[in-house]
């Protein structure tokens, strides 16, 4: 049978270990918040820099595919294109 004094000692040890663990976790959370705040500031600075660069870049141009990257014509479009090429070669 476990004596009450031993039980009390065991509970005190557990409580002390848990208190130490809680303090360690609290310290880790505090460090993580510092890191998060630093990263937020960095993101805000980069966002501002990007906005400044966009403003200085002038009007935006819509990106278009170069002719060699455009999709090939299909069906009737392809037949009409071939027909025009043949007509040009034939001199007509």
N, C-alpha and C. Protein backbone atom coordinates (compact mmCIF):
# COMPACT_ATOMS: atom_id res chain seq x y z
N UNK A 1 0.83 -1.18 0.00
CA UNK A 1 0.00 0.00 0.00
C UNK A 1 0.89 1.26 0.00
N UNK A 2 0.44 2.29 -0.77
CA UNK A 2 1.20 3.51 -0.90
C UNK A 2 0.86 4.42 0.28
N UNK A 3 1.90 4.94 0.89
CA UNK A 3 1.69 5.82 2.03
C UNK A 3 1.25 7.20 1.53
N UNK A 4 0.44 7.92 2.30
CA UNK A 4 -0.01 9.26 1.90
C UNK A 4 1.16 10.22 1.67
N UNK A 5 2.22 10.10 2.39
CA UNK A 5 3.38 10.99 2.21
C UNK A 5 4.02 10.74 0.85
N UNK A 6 4.10 9.45 0.46
CA UNK A 6 4.67 9.13 -0.86
C UNK A 6 3.77 9.65 -1.99
N UNK A 7 2.48 9.52 -1.79
CA UNK A 7 1.54 10.03 -2.79
C UNK A 7 1.67 11.54 -2.94
N UNK A 8 1.78 12.21 -1.81
CA UNK A 8 1.92 13.65 -1.82
C UNK A 8 3.22 14.07 -2.51
N UNK A 9 4.28 13.36 -2.23
CA UNK A 9 5.57 13.65 -2.87
C UNK A 9 5.48 13.45 -4.37
N UNK A 10 4.84 12.37 -4.79
CA UNK A 10 4.68 12.08 -6.22
C UNK A 10 3.88 13.19 -6.90
N UNK A 11 2.82 13.63 -6.26
CA UNK A 11 2.00 14.71 -6.83
C UNK A 11 2.77 16.03 -6.90
N UNK A 12 3.57 16.31 -5.90
CA UNK A 12 4.37 17.54 -5.91
C UNK A 12 5.41 17.50 -7.03
N UNK A 13 6.00 16.34 -7.24
CA UNK A 13 6.98 16.19 -8.33
C UNK A 13 6.31 16.40 -9.67
N UNK A 14 5.16 15.78 -9.86
CA UNK A 14 4.42 15.95 -11.13
C UNK A 14 4.04 17.41 -11.35
N UNK A 15 3.57 18.07 -10.31
CA UNK A 15 3.17 19.47 -10.42
C UNK A 15 4.38 20.33 -10.79
N UNK A 16 5.53 20.06 -10.20
CA UNK A 16 6.73 20.84 -10.51
C UNK A 16 7.17 20.60 -11.96
N UNK A 17 7.11 19.36 -12.41
CA UNK A 17 7.47 19.04 -13.80
C UNK A 17 6.52 19.72 -14.77
N UNK A 18 5.24 19.69 -14.46
CA UNK A 18 4.25 20.32 -15.33
C UNK A 18 4.44 21.83 -15.36
N UNK A 19 4.76 22.42 -14.22
CA UNK A 19 5.00 23.86 -14.17
C UNK A 19 6.20 24.23 -15.03
N UNK A 20 7.25 23.41 -14.97
CA UNK A 20 8.44 23.65 -15.80
C UNK A 20 8.09 23.53 -17.27
N UNK A 21 7.32 22.52 -17.63
CA UNK A 21 6.91 22.33 -19.01
C UNK A 21 6.08 23.51 -19.50
N UNK A 22 5.17 23.98 -18.69
CA UNK A 22 4.33 25.12 -19.06
C UNK A 22 5.19 26.36 -19.28
N UNK A 23 6.16 26.59 -18.43
CA UNK A 23 7.06 27.75 -18.60
C UNK A 23 7.86 27.64 -19.90
N UNK A 24 8.35 26.44 -20.19
CA UNK A 24 9.12 26.24 -21.43
C UNK A 24 8.24 26.49 -22.65
N UNK A 25 7.03 25.97 -22.61
CA UNK A 25 6.11 26.17 -23.73
C UNK A 25 5.75 27.65 -23.87
N UNK A 26 5.55 28.32 -22.76
CA UNK A 26 5.23 29.75 -22.81
C UNK A 26 6.38 30.53 -23.44
N UNK A 27 7.62 30.18 -23.08
CA UNK A 27 8.79 30.84 -23.68
C UNK A 27 8.85 30.59 -25.18
N UNK A 28 8.55 29.36 -25.59
CA UNK A 28 8.57 29.03 -27.02
C UNK A 28 7.49 29.82 -27.77
N UNK A 29 6.32 29.94 -27.19
CA UNK A 29 5.23 30.69 -27.83
C UNK A 29 5.62 32.16 -27.95
N UNK A 30 6.23 32.71 -26.90
CA UNK A 30 6.66 34.11 -26.95
C UNK A 30 7.69 34.32 -28.06
N UNK A 31 8.64 33.40 -28.20
CA UNK A 31 9.63 33.51 -29.29
C UNK A 31 8.97 33.41 -30.65
N UNK A 32 8.00 32.52 -30.77
CA UNK A 32 7.31 32.37 -32.05
C UNK A 32 6.54 33.64 -32.40
N UNK A 33 5.92 34.29 -31.42
CA UNK A 33 5.22 35.54 -31.69
C UNK A 33 6.18 36.61 -32.15
N UNK A 34 7.37 36.65 -31.55
CA UNK A 34 8.37 37.63 -31.99
C UNK A 34 8.73 37.38 -33.46
N UNK A 35 8.91 36.11 -33.80
CA UNK A 35 9.25 35.75 -35.18
C UNK A 35 8.11 36.13 -36.12
N UNK A 36 6.88 35.85 -35.71
CA UNK A 36 5.72 36.18 -36.55
C UNK A 36 5.63 37.68 -36.77
N UNK A 37 5.84 38.46 -35.72
CA UNK A 37 5.79 39.92 -35.86
C UNK A 37 6.89 40.41 -36.79
N UNK A 38 8.09 39.85 -36.67
CA UNK A 38 9.19 40.24 -37.55
C UNK A 38 8.85 39.90 -39.00
N UNK A 39 8.28 38.73 -39.23
CA UNK A 39 7.91 38.33 -40.59
C UNK A 39 6.78 39.21 -41.14
N UNK A 40 5.84 39.59 -40.29
CA UNK A 40 4.76 40.48 -40.74
C UNK A 40 5.33 41.82 -41.19
N UNK A 41 6.28 42.34 -40.42
CA UNK A 41 6.89 43.62 -40.79
C UNK A 41 7.63 43.48 -42.12
N UNK A 42 8.33 42.37 -42.29
CA UNK A 42 9.05 42.13 -43.54
C UNK A 42 8.08 42.06 -44.71
N UNK A 43 6.99 41.35 -44.54
CA UNK A 43 5.98 41.24 -45.61
C UNK A 43 5.40 42.60 -45.93
N UNK A 44 5.10 43.39 -44.91
CA UNK A 44 4.56 44.74 -45.14
C UNK A 44 5.56 45.59 -45.93
N UNK A 45 6.84 45.52 -45.56
CA UNK A 45 7.86 46.28 -46.27
C UNK A 45 7.97 45.83 -47.72
N UNK A 46 7.97 44.53 -47.94
CA UNK A 46 8.06 44.01 -49.31
C UNK A 46 6.83 44.38 -50.13
N UNK A 47 5.67 44.35 -49.50
CA UNK A 47 4.45 44.74 -50.20
C UNK A 47 4.52 46.20 -50.62
N UNK A 48 4.99 47.05 -49.71
CA UNK A 48 5.13 48.48 -50.05
C UNK A 48 6.14 48.67 -51.19
N UNK A 49 7.26 47.96 -51.12
CA UNK A 49 8.27 48.08 -52.17
C UNK A 49 7.71 47.62 -53.51
N UNK A 50 6.97 46.52 -53.50
CA UNK A 50 6.38 46.00 -54.73
C UNK A 50 5.38 47.00 -55.30
N UNK A 51 4.57 47.60 -54.44
CA UNK A 51 3.59 48.59 -54.91
C UNK A 51 4.31 49.79 -55.52
N UNK A 52 5.41 50.23 -54.90
CA UNK A 52 6.18 51.35 -55.47
C UNK A 52 6.75 50.99 -56.83
N UNK A 53 7.27 49.80 -56.96
CA UNK A 53 7.84 49.35 -58.24
C UNK A 53 6.76 49.29 -59.30
N UNK A 54 5.59 48.77 -58.94
CA UNK A 54 4.48 48.71 -59.90
C UNK A 54 4.07 50.10 -60.37
N UNK A 55 4.02 51.05 -59.44
CA UNK A 55 3.63 52.42 -59.79
C UNK A 55 4.64 53.05 -60.74
N UNK A 56 5.92 52.80 -60.50
CA UNK A 56 6.97 53.38 -61.34
C UNK A 56 7.07 52.68 -62.69
N UNK A 57 6.55 51.48 -62.80
CA UNK A 57 6.67 50.70 -64.03
C UNK A 57 5.80 51.27 -65.15
N UNK A 58 4.84 52.06 -64.83
CA UNK A 58 3.99 52.63 -65.86
C UNK A 58 2.78 51.76 -66.13
N UNK A 59 2.12 52.03 -67.26
CA UNK A 59 0.89 51.29 -67.55
C UNK A 59 1.19 49.81 -67.77
N UNK A 60 0.26 49.02 -67.36
CA UNK A 60 0.42 47.57 -67.53
C UNK A 60 0.00 47.16 -68.93
N UNK A 61 0.76 46.28 -69.49
CA UNK A 61 0.43 45.73 -70.80
C UNK A 61 -0.06 44.31 -70.60
N UNK A 62 -1.12 44.00 -71.32
CA UNK A 62 -1.65 42.66 -71.20
C UNK A 62 -0.71 41.70 -71.92
N UNK A 63 -0.39 40.64 -71.25
CA UNK A 63 0.52 39.66 -71.83
C UNK A 63 -0.20 38.89 -72.94
N UNK A 64 0.47 38.77 -74.06
CA UNK A 64 -0.07 37.97 -75.17
C UNK A 64 0.97 36.94 -75.55
N UNK A 65 0.50 35.88 -76.11
CA UNK A 65 1.43 34.84 -76.54
C UNK A 65 2.11 35.27 -77.83
N UNK A 66 3.40 34.99 -77.94
CA UNK A 66 4.06 35.25 -79.22
C UNK A 66 3.49 34.33 -80.28
N UNK A 67 3.61 34.71 -81.57
CA UNK A 67 2.99 33.92 -82.64
C UNK A 67 3.37 32.45 -82.62
N UNK A 68 4.60 32.12 -82.30
CA UNK A 68 5.01 30.72 -82.32
C UNK A 68 4.46 29.95 -81.14
N UNK A 69 3.85 30.61 -80.16
CA UNK A 69 3.28 29.94 -79.00
C UNK A 69 1.75 29.93 -79.00
N UNK A 70 1.16 30.51 -80.04
CA UNK A 70 -0.30 30.52 -80.12
C UNK A 70 -0.79 29.14 -80.51
N UNK A 71 -1.98 28.78 -80.07
CA UNK A 71 -2.51 27.46 -80.44
C UNK A 71 -2.72 27.36 -81.95
N UNK A 72 -2.51 26.19 -82.47
CA UNK A 72 -2.67 25.95 -83.90
C UNK A 72 -4.15 26.05 -84.28
N UNK A 73 -4.44 26.57 -85.48
CA UNK A 73 -5.83 26.64 -85.94
C UNK A 73 -6.41 25.23 -86.09
N UNK A 74 -7.73 25.13 -85.95
CA UNK A 74 -8.37 23.81 -86.03
C UNK A 74 -9.48 23.83 -87.06
N UNK A 75 -9.75 22.65 -87.58
CA UNK A 75 -10.89 22.46 -88.47
C UNK A 75 -10.89 23.37 -89.67
N UNK A 76 -11.99 24.13 -89.85
CA UNK A 76 -12.16 25.01 -91.00
C UNK A 76 -11.09 26.10 -91.03
N UNK A 77 -10.65 26.55 -89.87
CA UNK A 77 -9.61 27.58 -89.82
C UNK A 77 -8.32 27.06 -90.46
N UNK A 78 -7.96 25.81 -90.16
CA UNK A 78 -6.74 25.23 -90.71
C UNK A 78 -6.87 25.07 -92.22
N UNK A 79 -8.03 24.61 -92.68
CA UNK A 79 -8.24 24.42 -94.12
C UNK A 79 -8.16 25.77 -94.85
N UNK A 80 -8.74 26.80 -94.29
CA UNK A 80 -8.71 28.12 -94.91
C UNK A 80 -7.28 28.64 -94.95
N UNK A 81 -6.52 28.41 -93.90
CA UNK A 81 -5.13 28.87 -93.85
C UNK A 81 -4.30 28.16 -94.91
N UNK A 82 -4.46 26.86 -95.05
CA UNK A 82 -3.73 26.09 -96.07
C UNK A 82 -4.14 26.57 -97.46
N UNK A 83 -5.43 26.80 -97.65
CA UNK A 83 -5.92 27.27 -98.94
C UNK A 83 -5.30 28.61 -99.31
N UNK A 84 -5.20 29.53 -98.37
CA UNK A 84 -4.59 30.84 -98.65
C UNK A 84 -3.12 30.69 -99.00
N UNK A 85 -2.43 29.80 -98.29
CA UNK A 85 -1.00 29.60 -98.58
C UNK A 85 -0.81 29.03 -99.98
N UNK A 86 -1.66 28.09 -100.33
CA UNK A 86 -1.57 27.48 -101.66
C UNK A 86 -1.86 28.54 -102.72
N UNK A 87 -2.88 29.38 -102.50
CA UNK A 87 -3.22 30.44 -103.45
C UNK A 87 -2.08 31.42 -103.62
N UNK A 88 -1.41 31.77 -102.55
CA UNK A 88 -0.28 32.71 -102.63
C UNK A 88 0.87 32.12 -103.44
N UNK A 89 1.14 30.86 -103.22
CA UNK A 89 2.25 30.21 -103.95
C UNK A 89 1.93 30.08 -105.43
N UNK A 90 0.67 29.88 -105.71
CA UNK A 90 0.27 29.71 -107.09
C UNK A 90 0.18 31.05 -107.83
N UNK A 91 0.35 32.11 -107.06
CA UNK A 91 0.33 33.43 -107.71
C UNK A 91 -1.04 34.04 -107.73
N UNK A 92 -1.96 33.52 -107.01
CA UNK A 92 -3.33 34.03 -107.09
C UNK A 92 -3.75 34.56 -105.84
